[in-house]
């Protein structure tokens, strides 16, 4: 397993908590808190694009 540095969980009301992480090689990770052995990985640039898209409202239809 890569050396992932996980951030604090992002939690909703009564929902699972998500965690974002990075490693020294420039990769980014998303997982469900408590299940850090199973994760989605991509580049930090892809994570940046995801976060900016969410902040811009591109995922509002999922709410």
Protein backbone atom coordinates (compact mmCIF):
# COMPACT_ATOMS: atom_id res chain seq x y z
CA UNK A 1 0.00 0.00 0.00
CA UNK A 2 1.32 3.48 -0.84
CA UNK A 3 2.25 5.94 1.92
CA UNK A 4 -1.04 7.86 1.96
CA UNK A 5 -1.55 10.88 4.19
CA UNK A 6 -5.29 11.02 4.91
CA UNK A 7 -7.09 14.25 5.76
CA UNK A 8 -9.91 14.58 8.27
CA UNK A 9 -13.20 12.95 7.23
CA UNK A 10 -15.97 14.90 5.49
CA UNK A 11 -19.26 13.72 7.01
CA UNK A 12 -22.91 14.30 6.23
CA UNK A 13 -25.84 13.85 8.57
CA UNK A 14 -26.15 10.12 9.27
CA UNK A 15 -24.10 9.26 6.18
CA UNK A 16 -20.75 7.67 5.56
CA UNK A 17 -17.74 9.92 5.90
CA UNK A 18 -15.35 10.40 3.00
CA UNK A 19 -11.62 11.03 3.32
CA UNK A 20 -9.21 12.55 0.83
CA UNK A 21 -5.52 11.73 0.85
CA UNK A 22 -2.30 12.24 -1.07
CA UNK A 23 1.02 10.48 -1.37
CA UNK A 24 4.57 11.74 -2.04
CA UNK A 25 4.34 10.66 -5.71
CA UNK A 26 1.60 13.18 -6.59
CA UNK A 27 -1.37 10.82 -6.42
CA UNK A 28 -4.70 11.62 -4.77
CA UNK A 29 -7.05 9.20 -3.03
CA UNK A 30 -10.71 9.09 -1.98
CA UNK A 31 -12.09 6.51 0.45
CA UNK A 32 -14.89 5.91 2.94
CA UNK A 33 -13.64 6.59 6.47
CA UNK A 34 -12.91 3.31 8.19
CA UNK A 35 -12.25 1.49 4.90
CA UNK A 36 -8.91 3.07 3.97
CA UNK A 37 -7.67 -0.19 2.45
CA UNK A 38 -10.17 0.31 -0.41
CA UNK A 39 -9.80 3.57 -2.30
CA UNK A 40 -10.09 5.34 -5.63
CA UNK A 41 -6.87 6.89 -6.90
CA UNK A 42 -5.97 9.40 -9.59
CA UNK A 43 -3.63 12.36 -10.00
CA UNK A 44 -3.72 15.44 -7.79
CA UNK A 45 -4.73 17.38 -10.92
CA UNK A 46 -7.78 15.14 -11.31
CA UNK A 47 -8.68 15.64 -7.64
CA UNK A 48 -8.27 19.40 -8.05
CA UNK A 49 -10.61 19.34 -11.09
CA UNK A 50 -13.16 17.27 -9.14
CA UNK A 51 -13.16 19.67 -6.19
CA UNK A 52 -13.37 22.75 -8.41
CA UNK A 53 -16.24 21.18 -10.37
CA UNK A 54 -18.13 20.38 -7.17
CA UNK A 55 -17.56 23.91 -5.88
CA UNK A 56 -18.84 25.28 -9.22
CA UNK A 57 -22.09 23.33 -8.79
CA UNK A 58 -21.45 20.70 -11.45
CA UNK A 59 -22.58 17.92 -9.09
CA UNK A 60 -25.62 19.70 -7.61
CA UNK A 61 -27.96 17.40 -9.56
CA UNK A 62 -26.74 14.53 -7.33
CA UNK A 63 -28.05 16.20 -4.15
